[in-house]
């Protein structure tokens, strides 16, 4: 396995830091939805459980209609 020299490593690290900085500046959702993302982050299992339950109920309802 080839190892990187210290200069190659520093250049790669600098490129990665620039990419991370660009990602942190770009917002996926608007600031008005920060409350929602915070809630999902704090209660991820509850959100997953509710979402999966509603999805299964909706699929059963559609199956019943057809």
PDB file of N, CA and C in Angstrom:
ATOM      1  N   UNK A   1       0.847  -1.179   0.000  1.00  0.00           N
ATOM      2  CA  UNK A   1       0.000   0.000   0.000  1.00  0.00           C
ATOM      3  C   UNK A   1       0.893   1.244   0.000  1.00  0.00           C
ATOM      4  N   UNK A   2       0.576   2.167  -0.866  1.00  0.00           N
ATOM      5  CA  UNK A   2       1.382   3.380  -0.989  1.00  0.00           C
ATOM      6  C   UNK A   2       0.983   4.384   0.096  1.00  0.00           C
ATOM      7  N   UNK A   3       1.977   4.969   0.742  1.00  0.00           N
ATOM      8  CA  UNK A   3       1.695   5.972   1.764  1.00  0.00           C
ATOM      9  C   UNK A   3       1.893   7.358   1.179  1.00  0.00           C
ATOM     10  N   UNK A   4       1.133   8.304   1.669  1.00  0.00           N
ATOM     11  CA  UNK A   4       1.241   9.686   1.212  1.00  0.00           C
ATOM     12  C   UNK A   4       2.372  10.389   1.944  1.00  0.00           C
ATOM     13  N   UNK A   5       3.080  11.239   1.227  1.00  0.00           N
ATOM     14  CA  UNK A   5       4.080  12.072   1.876  1.00  0.00           C
ATOM     15  C   UNK A   5       3.393  13.142   2.695  1.00  0.00           C
ATOM     16  N   UNK A   6       4.132  13.812   3.542  1.00  0.00           N
ATOM     17  CA  UNK A   6       3.518  14.815   4.415  1.00  0.00           C
ATOM     18  C   UNK A   6       2.918  15.961   3.607  1.00  0.00           C
ATOM     19  N   UNK A   7       3.551  16.357   2.506  1.00  0.00           N
ATOM     20  CA  UNK A   7       3.014  17.449   1.685  1.00  0.00           C
ATOM     21  C   UNK A   7       1.738  17.003   0.970  1.00  0.00           C
ATOM     22  N   UNK A   8       1.727  15.762   0.470  1.00  0.00           N
ATOM     23  CA  UNK A   8       0.518  15.236  -0.168  1.00  0.00           C
ATOM     24  C   UNK A   8      -0.627  15.163   0.831  1.00  0.00           C
ATOM     25  N   UNK A   9      -0.311  14.728   2.027  1.00  0.00           N
ATOM     26  CA  UNK A   9      -1.329  14.629   3.065  1.00  0.00           C
ATOM     27  C   UNK A   9      -1.898  16.001   3.402  1.00  0.00           C
ATOM     28  N   UNK A  10      -1.037  16.993   3.536  1.00  0.00           N
ATOM     29  CA  UNK A  10      -1.499  18.344   3.867  1.00  0.00           C
ATOM     30  C   UNK A  10      -2.347  18.918   2.745  1.00  0.00           C
ATOM     31  N   UNK A  11      -1.972  18.664   1.489  1.00  0.00           N
ATOM     32  CA  UNK A  11      -2.780  19.143   0.362  1.00  0.00           C
ATOM     33  C   UNK A  11      -4.143  18.476   0.349  1.00  0.00           C
ATOM     34  N   UNK A  12      -4.164  17.178   0.583  1.00  0.00           N
ATOM     35  CA  UNK A  12      -5.437  16.459   0.615  1.00  0.00           C
ATOM     36  C   UNK A  12      -6.302  16.945   1.779  1.00  0.00           C
ATOM     37  N   UNK A  13      -5.684  17.192   2.917  1.00  0.00           N
ATOM     38  CA  UNK A  13      -6.408  17.699   4.078  1.00  0.00           C
ATOM     39  C   UNK A  13      -6.980  19.089   3.804  1.00  0.00           C
ATOM     40  N   UNK A  14      -6.221  19.926   3.125  1.00  0.00           N
ATOM     41  CA  UNK A  14      -6.689  21.270   2.784  1.00  0.00           C
ATOM     42  C   UNK A  14      -7.874  21.202   1.828  1.00  0.00           C
ATOM     43  N   UNK A  15      -7.813  20.327   0.838  1.00  0.00           N
ATOM     44  CA  UNK A  15      -8.926  20.166  -0.097  1.00  0.00           C
ATOM     45  C   UNK A  15     -10.178  19.683   0.627  1.00  0.00           C
ATOM     46  N   UNK A  16     -10.003  18.751   1.536  1.00  0.00           N
ATOM     47  CA  UNK A  16     -11.142  18.236   2.292  1.00  0.00           C
ATOM     48  C   UNK A  16     -11.740  19.317   3.186  1.00  0.00           C
ATOM     49  N   UNK A  17     -10.913  20.139   3.796  1.00  0.00           N
ATOM     50  CA  UNK A  17     -11.402  21.233   4.642  1.00  0.00           C
ATOM     51  C   UNK A  17     -12.179  22.250   3.820  1.00  0.00           C
ATOM     52  N   UNK A  18     -11.726  22.528   2.604  1.00  0.00           N
ATOM     53  CA  UNK A  18     -12.449  23.454   1.735  1.00  0.00           C
ATOM     54  C   UNK A  18     -13.801  22.876   1.338  1.00  0.00           C
ATOM     55  N   UNK A  19     -13.845  21.582   1.057  1.00  0.00           N
ATOM     56  CA  UNK A  19     -15.115  20.940   0.709  1.00  0.00           C
ATOM     57  C   UNK A  19     -16.076  20.972   1.890  1.00  0.00           C
ATOM     58  N   UNK A  20     -15.577  20.717   3.104  1.00  0.00           N
ATOM     59  CA  UNK A  20     -16.421  20.758   4.295  1.00  0.00           C
ATOM     60  C   UNK A  20     -16.953  22.162   4.555  1.00  0.00           C
ATOM     61  N   UNK A  21     -16.115  23.170   4.351  1.00  0.00           N
ATOM     62  CA  UNK A  21     -16.546  24.555   4.554  1.00  0.00           C
ATOM     63  C   UNK A  21     -17.650  24.918   3.574  1.00  0.00           C
ATOM     64  N   UNK A  22     -17.538  24.451   2.349  1.00  0.00           N
ATOM     65  CA  UNK A  22     -18.569  24.730   1.347  1.00  0.00           C
ATOM     66  C   UNK A  22     -19.877  24.043   1.723  1.00  0.00           C
ATOM     67  N   UNK A  23     -19.796  22.816   2.231  1.00  0.00           N
ATOM     68  CA  UNK A  23     -21.002  22.104   2.649  1.00  0.00           C
ATOM     69  C   UNK A  23     -21.681  22.778   3.832  1.00  0.00           C
ATOM     70  N   UNK A  24     -20.903  23.322   4.757  1.00  0.00           N
ATOM     71  CA  UNK A  24     -21.484  23.972   5.927  1.00  0.00           C
ATOM     72  C   UNK A  24     -22.151  25.295   5.574  1.00  0.00           C
ATOM     73  N   UNK A  25     -21.764  25.919   4.472  1.00  0.00           N
ATOM     74  CA  UNK A  25     -22.367  27.181   4.067  1.00  0.00           C
ATOM     75  C   UNK A  25     -23.670  26.960   3.314  1.00  0.00           C
ATOM     76  N   UNK A  26     -23.848  25.796   2.720  1.00  0.00           N
ATOM     77  CA  UNK A  26     -25.037  25.497   1.936  1.00  0.00           C
ATOM     78  C   UNK A  26     -26.098  24.891   2.846  1.00  0.00           C
ATOM     79  N   UNK A  27     -27.280  25.506   2.877  1.00  0.00           N
ATOM     80  CA  UNK A  27     -28.373  25.003   3.700  1.00  0.00           C
ATOM     81  C   UNK A  27     -29.252  24.089   2.863  1.00  0.00           C
ATOM     82  N   UNK A  28     -29.599  22.942   3.417  1.00  0.00           N
ATOM     83  CA  UNK A  28     -30.493  22.006   2.741  1.00  0.00           C
ATOM     84  C   UNK A  28     -31.945  22.456   2.896  1.00  0.00           C
ATOM     85  N   UNK A  29     -32.281  22.935   4.082  1.00  0.00           N
ATOM     86  CA  UNK A  29     -33.621  23.441   4.370  1.00  0.00           C
ATOM     87  C   UNK A  29     -33.509  24.891   4.823  1.00  0.00           C
ATOM     88  N   UNK A  30     -34.564  25.683   4.615  1.00  0.00           N
ATOM     89  CA  UNK A  30     -34.507  27.082   5.056  1.00  0.00           C
ATOM     90  C   UNK A  30     -34.449  27.196   6.581  1.00  0.00           C
ATOM     91  N   UNK A  31     -34.018  28.349   7.050  1.00  0.00           N
ATOM     92  CA  UNK A  31     -33.856  28.576   8.492  1.00  0.00           C
ATOM     93  C   UNK A  31     -35.182  28.482   9.242  1.00  0.00           C
ATOM     94  N   UNK A  32     -36.289  28.698   8.555  1.00  0.00           N
ATOM     95  CA  UNK A  32     -37.599  28.621   9.210  1.00  0.00           C
ATOM     96  C   UNK A  32     -37.912  27.206   9.691  1.00  0.00           C
ATOM     97  N   UNK A  33     -37.233  26.204   9.146  1.00  0.00           N
ATOM     98  CA  UNK A  33     -37.490  24.821   9.534  1.00  0.00           C
ATOM     99  C   UNK A  33     -36.453  24.274  10.512  1.00  0.00           C
ATOM    100  N   UNK A  34     -35.698  25.160  11.151  1.00  0.00           N
ATOM    101  CA  UNK A  34     -34.706  24.713  12.133  1.00  0.00           C
ATOM    102  C   UNK A  34     -35.355  23.986  13.304  1.00  0.00           C
ATOM    103  N   UNK A  35     -36.556  24.396  13.688  1.00  0.00           N
ATOM    104  CA  UNK A  35     -37.255  23.731  14.781  1.00  0.00           C
ATOM    105  C   UNK A  35     -37.547  22.277  14.414  1.00  0.00           C
ATOM    106  N   UNK A  36     -37.904  22.031  13.149  1.00  0.00           N
ATOM    107  CA  UNK A  36     -38.226  20.676  12.713  1.00  0.00           C
ATOM    108  C   UNK A  36     -36.984  19.789  12.691  1.00  0.00           C
ATOM    109  N   UNK A  37     -35.899  20.310  12.143  1.00  0.00           N
ATOM    110  CA  UNK A  37     -34.671  19.516  12.092  1.00  0.00           C
ATOM    111  C   UNK A  37     -34.125  19.260  13.493  1.00  0.00           C
ATOM    112  N   UNK A  38     -34.287  20.222  14.383  1.00  0.00           N
ATOM    113  CA  UNK A  38     -33.851  20.031  15.766  1.00  0.00           C
ATOM    114  C   UNK A  38     -34.689  18.948  16.448  1.00  0.00           C
ATOM    115  N   UNK A  39     -35.990  18.969  16.215  1.00  0.00           N
ATOM    116  CA  UNK A  39     -36.877  17.958  16.802  1.00  0.00           C
ATOM    117  C   UNK A  39     -36.542  16.566  16.273  1.00  0.00           C
ATOM    118  N   UNK A  40     -36.330  16.465  14.962  1.00  0.00           N
ATOM    119  CA  UNK A  40     -35.987  15.170  14.372  1.00  0.00           C
ATOM    120  C   UNK A  40     -34.656  14.671  14.919  1.00  0.00           C
ATOM    121  N   UNK A  41     -33.703  15.573  15.091  1.00  0.00           N
ATOM    122  CA  UNK A  41     -32.406  15.176  15.637  1.00  0.00           C
ATOM    123  C   UNK A  41     -32.490  14.690  17.071  1.00  0.00           C
ATOM    124  N   UNK A  42     -33.353  15.307  17.867  1.00  0.00           N
ATOM    125  CA  UNK A  42     -33.470  14.923  19.280  1.00  0.00           C
ATOM    126  C   UNK A  42     -34.367  13.706  19.489  1.00  0.00           C
ATOM    127  N   UNK A  43     -35.325  13.507  18.606  1.00  0.00           N
ATOM    128  CA  UNK A  43     -36.304  12.426  18.769  1.00  0.00           C
ATOM    129  C   UNK A  43     -36.330  11.531  17.528  1.00  0.00           C
ATOM    130  N   UNK A  44     -35.180  11.082  17.089  1.00  0.00           N
ATOM    131  CA  UNK A  44     -35.104  10.343  15.823  1.00  0.00           C
ATOM    132  C   UNK A  44     -35.871   9.019  15.868  1.00  0.00           C
ATOM    133  N   UNK A  45     -35.805   8.294  16.974  1.00  0.00           N
ATOM    134  CA  UNK A  45     -36.522   7.018  17.039  1.00  0.00           C
ATOM    135  C   UNK A  45     -38.031   7.221  17.019  1.00  0.00           C
ATOM    136  N   UNK A  46     -38.508   8.252  17.705  1.00  0.00           N
ATOM    137  CA  UNK A  46     -39.941   8.514  17.710  1.00  0.00           C
ATOM    138  C   UNK A  46     -40.423   8.920  16.320  1.00  0.00           C
ATOM    139  N   UNK A  47     -39.640   9.759  15.646  1.00  0.00           N
ATOM    140  CA  UNK A  47     -40.010  10.185  14.294  1.00  0.00           C
ATOM    141  C   UNK A  47     -40.007   8.990  13.354  1.00  0.00           C
ATOM    142  N   UNK A  48     -39.012   8.122  13.469  1.00  0.00           N
ATOM    143  CA  UNK A  48     -38.941   6.928  12.631  1.00  0.00           C
ATOM    144  C   UNK A  48     -40.123   6.006  12.889  1.00  0.00           C
ATOM    145  N   UNK A  49     -40.477   5.820  14.142  1.00  0.00           N
ATOM    146  CA  UNK A  49     -41.601   4.959  14.495  1.00  0.00           C
ATOM    147  C   UNK A  49     -42.915   5.511  13.950  1.00  0.00           C
ATOM    148  N   UNK A  50     -43.155   6.791  14.133  1.00  0.00           N
ATOM    149  CA  UNK A  50     -44.395   7.408  13.652  1.00  0.00           C
ATOM    150  C   UNK A  50     -44.456   7.381  12.129  1.00  0.00           C
ATOM    151  N   UNK A  51     -43.346   7.693  11.469  1.00  0.00           N
ATOM    152  CA  UNK A  51     -43.316   7.697  10.006  1.00  0.00           C
ATOM    153  C   UNK A  51     -43.559   6.299   9.451  1.00  0.00           C
ATOM    154  N   UNK A  52     -42.921   5.301  10.027  1.00  0.00           N
ATOM    155  CA  UNK A  52     -43.119   3.937   9.532  1.00  0.00           C
ATOM    156  C   UNK A  52     -44.540   3.455   9.809  1.00  0.00           C
ATOM    157  N   UNK A  53     -45.095   3.824  10.946  1.00  0.00           N
ATOM    158  CA  UNK A  53     -46.470   3.447  11.249  1.00  0.00           C
ATOM    159  C   UNK A  53     -47.465   4.078  10.298  1.00  0.00           C
ATOM    160  N   UNK A  54     -47.296   5.371  10.037  1.00  0.00           N
ATOM    161  CA  UNK A  54     -48.197   6.045   9.100  1.00  0.00           C
ATOM    162  C   UNK A  54     -48.050   5.499   7.686  1.00  0.00           C
ATOM    163  N   UNK A  55     -46.832   5.168   7.295  1.00  0.00           N
ATOM    164  CA  UNK A  55     -46.612   4.598   5.967  1.00  0.00           C
ATOM    165  C   UNK A  55     -47.290   3.241   5.835  1.00  0.00           C
ATOM    166  N   UNK A  56     -47.155   2.400   6.846  1.00  0.00           N
ATOM    167  CA  UNK A  56     -47.786   1.080   6.771  1.00  0.00           C
ATOM    168  C   UNK A  56     -49.306   1.193   6.783  1.00  0.00           C
ATOM    169  N   UNK A  57     -49.847   2.124   7.567  1.00  0.00           N
ATOM    170  CA  UNK A  57     -51.298   2.332   7.551  1.00  0.00           C
ATOM    171  C   UNK A  57     -51.775   2.836   6.194  1.00  0.00           C
ATOM    172  N   UNK A  58     -51.036   3.747   5.594  1.00  0.00           N
ATOM    173  CA  UNK A  58     -51.410   4.266   4.281  1.00  0.00           C
ATOM    174  C   UNK A  58     -51.354   3.170   3.223  1.00  0.00           C
ATOM    175  N   UNK A  59     -50.322   2.337   3.267  1.00  0.00           N
ATOM    176  CA  UNK A  59     -50.220   1.248   2.292  1.00  0.00           C
ATOM    177  C   UNK A  59     -51.338   0.230   2.475  1.00  0.00           C
ATOM    178  N   UNK A  60     -51.686  -0.083   3.705  1.00  0.00           N
ATOM    179  CA  UNK A  60     -52.807  -0.993   3.953  1.00  0.00           C
ATOM    180  C   UNK A  60     -54.120  -0.372   3.484  1.00  0.00           C
ATOM    181  N   UNK A  61     -54.274   0.926   3.680  1.00  0.00           N
ATOM    182  CA  UNK A  61     -55.477   1.605   3.209  1.00  0.00           C
ATOM    183  C   UNK A  61     -55.588   1.585   1.698  1.00  0.00           C
ATOM    184  N   UNK A  62     -54.493   1.822   1.012  1.00  0.00           N
ATOM    185  CA  UNK A  62     -54.514   1.761  -0.453  1.00  0.00           C
ATOM    186  C   UNK A  62     -54.773   0.341  -0.940  1.00  0.00           C
ATOM    187  N   UNK A  63     -54.217  -0.635  -0.236  1.00  0.00           N
ATOM    188  CA  UNK A  63     -54.436  -2.027  -0.622  1.00  0.00           C
ATOM    189  C   UNK A  63     -55.901  -2.412  -0.416  1.00  0.00           C
ATOM    190  N   UNK A  64     -56.509  -1.866   0.628  1.00  0.00           N
ATOM    191  CA  UNK A  64     -57.913  -2.155   0.907  1.00  0.00           C
ATOM    192  C   UNK A  64     -58.821  -1.528  -0.151  1.00  0.00           C
ATOM    193  N   UNK A  65     -58.429  -0.342  -0.644  1.00  0.00           N
ATOM    194  CA  UNK A  65     -59.229   0.336  -1.662  1.00  0.00           C
ATOM    195  C   UNK A  65     -59.180  -0.376  -3.010  1.00  0.00           C
ATOM    196  N   UNK A  66     -58.076  -1.031  -3.304  1.00  0.00           N
ATOM    197  CA  UNK A  66     -57.934  -1.689  -4.612  1.00  0.00           C
ATOM    198  C   UNK A  66     -58.469  -3.058  -4.609  1.00  0.00           C
TER     199      UNK A  66
END
